[in-house]
Amino acid sequence: MKHVALSIALAFFRVTTSAAAAEEAQSFPTDQIATGAELYAVNCSPCHGARMQDPNAAFNLRKFPPDQHERFVNAVTRGKNQMPPWGDFFKPEQLEALWAYIMAGER
């Protein structure tokens, strides 16, 4: 019985966490998302696809977990696998705009 209750509690937690992450993704200012879209189009789309469509061999950013902001920043600044490090190419507000676009952008 405890196992069933624990399973139900974990399922509820996952749904609640997913709903909170989805709500957070919708809370970005439209101008920040637009800035992120412009940055993405110029800098990210060659590998990740226009509007995050058809990413070829690159990571599909439409599936990036909304609760992993730090992972996103680290991957962009330090690089990961085939993605080169962008270092300090992006200012912090530009990184946040990219994050906003990826989280709430065109899917």
N, C-alpha and C. Protein backbone atom coordinates (compact mmCIF):
# COMPACT_ATOMS: atom_id res chain seq x y z
N MET A 1 0.82 -1.19 0.00
CA MET A 1 0.00 0.00 0.00
C MET A 1 0.87 1.26 0.00
N LYS A 2 1.96 1.23 0.78
CA LYS A 2 2.86 2.39 0.82
C LYS A 2 3.47 2.64 -0.55
N HIS A 3 3.77 1.56 -1.27
CA HIS A 3 4.37 1.67 -2.61
C HIS A 3 3.42 2.38 -3.57
N VAL A 4 2.15 2.04 -3.50
CA VAL A 4 1.14 2.66 -4.36
C VAL A 4 1.01 4.14 -4.02
N ALA A 5 0.96 4.46 -2.73
CA ALA A 5 0.85 5.86 -2.31
C ALA A 5 2.06 6.66 -2.76
N LEU A 6 3.25 6.08 -2.63
CA LEU A 6 4.46 6.76 -3.06
C LEU A 6 4.45 6.99 -4.57
N SER A 7 4.01 6.00 -5.34
CA SER A 7 3.93 6.14 -6.79
C SER A 7 2.97 7.26 -7.19
N ILE A 8 1.83 7.32 -6.51
CA ILE A 8 0.85 8.37 -6.79
C ILE A 8 1.43 9.73 -6.43
N ALA A 9 2.10 9.83 -5.30
CA ALA A 9 2.71 11.10 -4.87
C ALA A 9 3.77 11.55 -5.88
N LEU A 10 4.60 10.63 -6.34
CA LEU A 10 5.63 10.98 -7.32
C LEU A 10 5.01 11.43 -8.64
N ALA A 11 3.96 10.75 -9.09
CA ALA A 11 3.28 11.14 -10.33
C ALA A 11 2.69 12.54 -10.19
N PHE A 12 2.06 12.81 -9.06
CA PHE A 12 1.49 14.14 -8.82
C PHE A 12 2.59 15.20 -8.82
N PHE A 13 3.74 14.90 -8.19
CA PHE A 13 4.85 15.84 -8.16
C PHE A 13 5.34 16.15 -9.56
N ARG A 14 5.47 15.13 -10.40
CA ARG A 14 5.93 15.33 -11.78
C ARG A 14 4.96 16.20 -12.57
N VAL A 15 3.68 15.96 -12.43
CA VAL A 15 2.67 16.75 -13.14
C VAL A 15 2.72 18.19 -12.65
N THR A 16 2.81 18.39 -11.33
CA THR A 16 2.88 19.73 -10.75
C THR A 16 4.14 20.45 -11.22
N THR A 17 5.27 19.75 -11.21
CA THR A 17 6.53 20.35 -11.65
C THR A 17 6.46 20.71 -13.13
N SER A 18 5.92 19.84 -13.96
CA SER A 18 5.80 20.11 -15.39
C SER A 18 4.88 21.29 -15.64
N ALA A 19 3.79 21.38 -14.91
CA ALA A 19 2.86 22.50 -15.07
C ALA A 19 3.52 23.80 -14.66
N ALA A 20 4.29 23.77 -13.57
CA ALA A 20 4.98 24.98 -13.12
C ALA A 20 6.03 25.40 -14.14
N ALA A 21 6.75 24.45 -14.71
CA ALA A 21 7.76 24.77 -15.72
C ALA A 21 7.10 25.34 -16.98
N ALA A 22 5.98 24.77 -17.38
CA ALA A 22 5.27 25.28 -18.55
C ALA A 22 4.76 26.69 -18.29
N GLU A 23 4.24 26.93 -17.08
CA GLU A 23 3.76 28.27 -16.74
C GLU A 23 4.90 29.27 -16.75
N GLU A 24 6.07 28.86 -16.21
CA GLU A 24 7.23 29.74 -16.20
C GLU A 24 7.67 30.06 -17.62
N ALA A 25 7.62 29.08 -18.51
CA ALA A 25 8.04 29.29 -19.89
C ALA A 25 7.16 30.33 -20.58
N GLN A 26 5.92 30.44 -20.16
CA GLN A 26 5.00 31.39 -20.77
C GLN A 26 5.14 32.79 -20.19
N SER A 27 5.95 32.97 -19.17
CA SER A 27 6.01 34.26 -18.49
C SER A 27 7.09 35.20 -19.03
N PHE A 28 7.73 34.87 -20.12
CA PHE A 28 8.77 35.73 -20.67
C PHE A 28 8.15 36.91 -21.40
N PRO A 29 8.74 38.10 -21.26
CA PRO A 29 8.25 39.26 -22.01
C PRO A 29 8.38 39.02 -23.51
N THR A 30 7.42 39.50 -24.28
CA THR A 30 7.44 39.27 -25.73
C THR A 30 8.65 39.91 -26.39
N ASP A 31 9.11 41.05 -25.88
CA ASP A 31 10.28 41.68 -26.49
C ASP A 31 11.54 40.84 -26.24
N GLN A 32 11.62 40.18 -25.09
CA GLN A 32 12.76 39.31 -24.80
C GLN A 32 12.74 38.10 -25.73
N ILE A 33 11.57 37.53 -25.95
CA ILE A 33 11.44 36.39 -26.86
C ILE A 33 11.81 36.82 -28.28
N ALA A 34 11.38 37.98 -28.69
CA ALA A 34 11.70 38.48 -30.04
C ALA A 34 13.20 38.69 -30.19
N THR A 35 13.84 39.24 -29.18
CA THR A 35 15.30 39.41 -29.22
C THR A 35 15.98 38.06 -29.33
N GLY A 36 15.51 37.10 -28.54
CA GLY A 36 16.06 35.75 -28.60
C GLY A 36 15.87 35.11 -29.96
N ALA A 37 14.72 35.35 -30.58
CA ALA A 37 14.46 34.81 -31.91
C ALA A 37 15.45 35.36 -32.93
N GLU A 38 15.74 36.65 -32.83
CA GLU A 38 16.71 37.27 -33.76
C GLU A 38 18.11 36.69 -33.53
N LEU A 39 18.51 36.59 -32.27
CA LEU A 39 19.83 36.02 -31.96
C LEU A 39 19.92 34.57 -32.43
N TYR A 40 18.86 33.83 -32.20
CA TYR A 40 18.81 32.44 -32.61
C TYR A 40 18.95 32.32 -34.13
N ALA A 41 18.19 33.12 -34.86
CA ALA A 41 18.19 33.05 -36.32
C ALA A 41 19.60 33.26 -36.89
N VAL A 42 20.33 34.18 -36.31
CA VAL A 42 21.66 34.50 -36.82
C VAL A 42 22.71 33.50 -36.35
N ASN A 43 22.66 33.12 -35.08
CA ASN A 43 23.76 32.37 -34.48
C ASN A 43 23.51 30.88 -34.29
N CYS A 44 22.28 30.48 -34.09
CA CYS A 44 21.99 29.10 -33.71
C CYS A 44 21.35 28.28 -34.83
N SER A 45 20.58 28.95 -35.68
CA SER A 45 19.82 28.21 -36.70
C SER A 45 20.68 27.43 -37.69
N PRO A 46 21.92 27.85 -37.99
CA PRO A 46 22.69 27.03 -38.93
C PRO A 46 22.85 25.57 -38.48
N CYS A 47 22.92 25.34 -37.18
CA CYS A 47 23.07 23.97 -36.67
C CYS A 47 21.77 23.40 -36.12
N HIS A 48 20.99 24.23 -35.41
CA HIS A 48 19.79 23.74 -34.74
C HIS A 48 18.53 23.89 -35.58
N GLY A 49 18.66 24.44 -36.78
CA GLY A 49 17.52 24.56 -37.68
C GLY A 49 16.75 25.85 -37.50
N ALA A 50 16.18 26.32 -38.59
CA ALA A 50 15.35 27.52 -38.54
C ALA A 50 14.16 27.26 -37.62
N ARG A 51 13.93 28.16 -36.70
CA ARG A 51 12.83 28.06 -35.74
C ARG A 51 12.81 26.72 -35.02
N MET A 52 14.02 26.20 -34.77
CA MET A 52 14.21 24.93 -34.06
C MET A 52 13.59 23.76 -34.80
N GLN A 53 13.48 23.87 -36.11
CA GLN A 53 12.94 22.81 -36.96
C GLN A 53 14.10 22.10 -37.67
N ASP A 54 14.01 20.82 -37.84
CA ASP A 54 15.01 20.03 -38.57
C ASP A 54 16.43 20.30 -38.08
N PRO A 55 16.74 19.92 -36.84
CA PRO A 55 18.07 20.22 -36.31
C PRO A 55 19.20 19.36 -36.85
N ASN A 56 18.93 18.50 -37.82
CA ASN A 56 19.96 17.59 -38.35
C ASN A 56 20.60 16.82 -37.21
N ALA A 57 21.90 16.92 -37.05
CA ALA A 57 22.60 16.16 -36.01
C ALA A 57 22.68 16.93 -34.70
N ALA A 58 22.28 18.20 -34.68
CA ALA A 58 22.37 19.00 -33.46
C ALA A 58 21.23 18.64 -32.50
N PHE A 59 21.42 18.98 -31.25
CA PHE A 59 20.40 18.74 -30.21
C PHE A 59 19.11 19.44 -30.58
N ASN A 60 17.99 18.75 -30.42
CA ASN A 60 16.67 19.33 -30.70
C ASN A 60 16.28 20.23 -29.53
N LEU A 61 16.41 21.53 -29.70
CA LEU A 61 16.16 22.48 -28.61
C LEU A 61 14.70 22.55 -28.21
N ARG A 62 13.79 22.08 -29.06
CA ARG A 62 12.37 22.05 -28.68
C ARG A 62 12.13 21.09 -27.52
N LYS A 63 13.09 20.20 -27.29
CA LYS A 63 12.96 19.22 -26.21
C LYS A 63 13.83 19.58 -25.00
N PHE A 64 14.38 20.79 -24.99
CA PHE A 64 15.26 21.15 -23.87
C PHE A 64 14.42 21.28 -22.60
N PRO A 65 14.84 20.62 -21.53
CA PRO A 65 14.06 20.66 -20.28
C PRO A 65 13.99 22.07 -19.69
N PRO A 66 12.80 22.56 -19.40
CA PRO A 66 12.65 23.92 -18.90
C PRO A 66 13.22 24.15 -17.51
N ASP A 67 13.52 23.09 -16.80
CA ASP A 67 14.07 23.26 -15.46
C ASP A 67 15.60 23.19 -15.45
N GLN A 68 16.23 23.28 -16.64
CA GLN A 68 17.68 23.14 -16.72
C GLN A 68 18.35 24.37 -17.34
N HIS A 69 18.00 25.52 -16.81
CA HIS A 69 18.56 26.79 -17.28
C HIS A 69 20.09 26.79 -17.18
N GLU A 70 20.62 26.35 -16.05
CA GLU A 70 22.07 26.36 -15.85
C GLU A 70 22.77 25.46 -16.87
N ARG A 71 22.17 24.32 -17.17
CA ARG A 71 22.73 23.42 -18.18
C ARG A 71 22.79 24.12 -19.54
N PHE A 72 21.73 24.86 -19.88
CA PHE A 72 21.69 25.61 -21.13
C PHE A 72 22.83 26.63 -21.19
N VAL A 73 22.98 27.43 -20.14
CA VAL A 73 24.03 28.46 -20.10
C VAL A 73 25.41 27.82 -20.22
N ASN A 74 25.62 26.72 -19.50
CA ASN A 74 26.92 26.04 -19.56
C ASN A 74 27.18 25.48 -20.95
N ALA A 75 26.18 24.90 -21.59
CA ALA A 75 26.37 24.34 -22.93
C ALA A 75 26.71 25.43 -23.93
N VAL A 76 26.06 26.59 -23.82
CA VAL A 76 26.34 27.67 -24.76
C VAL A 76 27.72 28.26 -24.50
N THR A 77 28.03 28.55 -23.27
CA THR A 77 29.30 29.22 -22.98
C THR A 77 30.51 28.29 -23.05
N ARG A 78 30.33 27.03 -22.63
CA ARG A 78 31.47 26.10 -22.59
C ARG A 78 31.50 25.11 -23.74
N GLY A 79 30.37 24.99 -24.45
CA GLY A 79 30.28 24.01 -25.52
C GLY A 79 29.93 22.64 -24.97
N LYS A 80 29.49 21.78 -25.86
CA LYS A 80 29.14 20.42 -25.45
C LYS A 80 29.13 19.54 -26.69
N ASN A 81 29.79 18.41 -26.60
CA ASN A 81 29.89 17.48 -27.71
C ASN A 81 30.38 18.23 -28.95
N GLN A 82 29.57 18.28 -30.01
CA GLN A 82 30.02 18.95 -31.24
C GLN A 82 29.78 20.45 -31.23
N MET A 83 29.08 20.95 -30.22
CA MET A 83 28.82 22.39 -30.15
C MET A 83 30.04 23.11 -29.60
N PRO A 84 30.53 24.08 -30.35
CA PRO A 84 31.71 24.82 -29.86
C PRO A 84 31.32 25.76 -28.72
N PRO A 85 32.28 26.11 -27.88
CA PRO A 85 31.99 27.07 -26.81
C PRO A 85 31.86 28.48 -27.38
N TRP A 86 30.82 29.17 -26.97
CA TRP A 86 30.63 30.55 -27.40
C TRP A 86 31.28 31.52 -26.42
N GLY A 87 31.72 31.01 -25.29
CA GLY A 87 32.42 31.84 -24.31
C GLY A 87 31.60 33.05 -23.91
N ASP A 88 32.22 34.21 -24.00
CA ASP A 88 31.51 35.44 -23.62
C ASP A 88 31.00 36.20 -24.85
N PHE A 89 30.80 35.47 -25.96
CA PHE A 89 30.27 36.09 -27.18
C PHE A 89 28.91 36.74 -26.90
N PHE A 90 28.07 36.04 -26.15
CA PHE A 90 26.76 36.58 -25.79
C PHE A 90 26.84 37.28 -24.44
N LYS A 91 26.25 38.45 -24.36
CA LYS A 91 26.12 39.14 -23.08
C LYS A 91 25.08 38.37 -22.26
N PRO A 92 25.10 38.53 -20.93
CA PRO A 92 24.13 37.80 -20.10
C PRO A 92 22.68 38.02 -20.52
N GLU A 93 22.32 39.25 -20.88
CA GLU A 93 20.93 39.50 -21.28
C GLU A 93 20.60 38.83 -22.61
N GLN A 94 21.60 38.63 -23.47
CA GLN A 94 21.38 37.92 -24.72
C GLN A 94 21.18 36.43 -24.48
N LEU A 95 21.96 35.87 -23.54
CA LEU A 95 21.75 34.47 -23.17
C LEU A 95 20.35 34.26 -22.62
N GLU A 96 19.88 35.21 -21.82
CA GLU A 96 18.54 35.10 -21.26
C GLU A 96 17.48 35.23 -22.35
N ALA A 97 17.75 36.05 -23.34
CA ALA A 97 16.81 36.18 -24.46
C ALA A 97 16.77 34.88 -25.27
N LEU A 98 17.92 34.26 -25.49
CA LEU A 98 17.94 32.97 -26.18
C LEU A 98 17.16 31.93 -25.38
N TRP A 99 17.37 31.92 -24.08
CA TRP A 99 16.65 30.99 -23.21
C TRP A 99 15.14 31.22 -23.33
N ALA A 100 14.74 32.48 -23.29
CA ALA A 100 13.32 32.81 -23.40
C ALA A 100 12.75 32.31 -24.72
N TYR A 101 13.47 32.53 -25.80
CA TYR A 101 13.00 32.07 -27.11
C TYR A 101 12.88 30.55 -27.16
N ILE A 102 13.88 29.88 -26.66
CA ILE A 102 13.88 28.41 -26.72
C ILE A 102 12.77 27.85 -25.84
N MET A 103 12.54 28.45 -24.70
CA MET A 103 11.49 27.97 -23.80
C MET A 103 10.08 28.34 -24.27
N ALA A 104 9.93 29.51 -24.84
CA ALA A 104 8.59 29.96 -25.22
C ALA A 104 8.46 30.27 -26.71
N GLY A 105 9.53 30.00 -27.44
CA GLY A 105 9.54 30.34 -28.86
C GLY A 105 8.73 29.40 -29.71
N GLU A 106 8.94 29.50 -30.98
CA GLU A 106 8.17 28.71 -31.95
C GLU A 106 8.46 27.23 -31.77
N ARG A 107 7.41 26.49 -31.58
CA ARG A 107 7.55 25.05 -31.38
C ARG A 107 6.77 24.30 -32.42
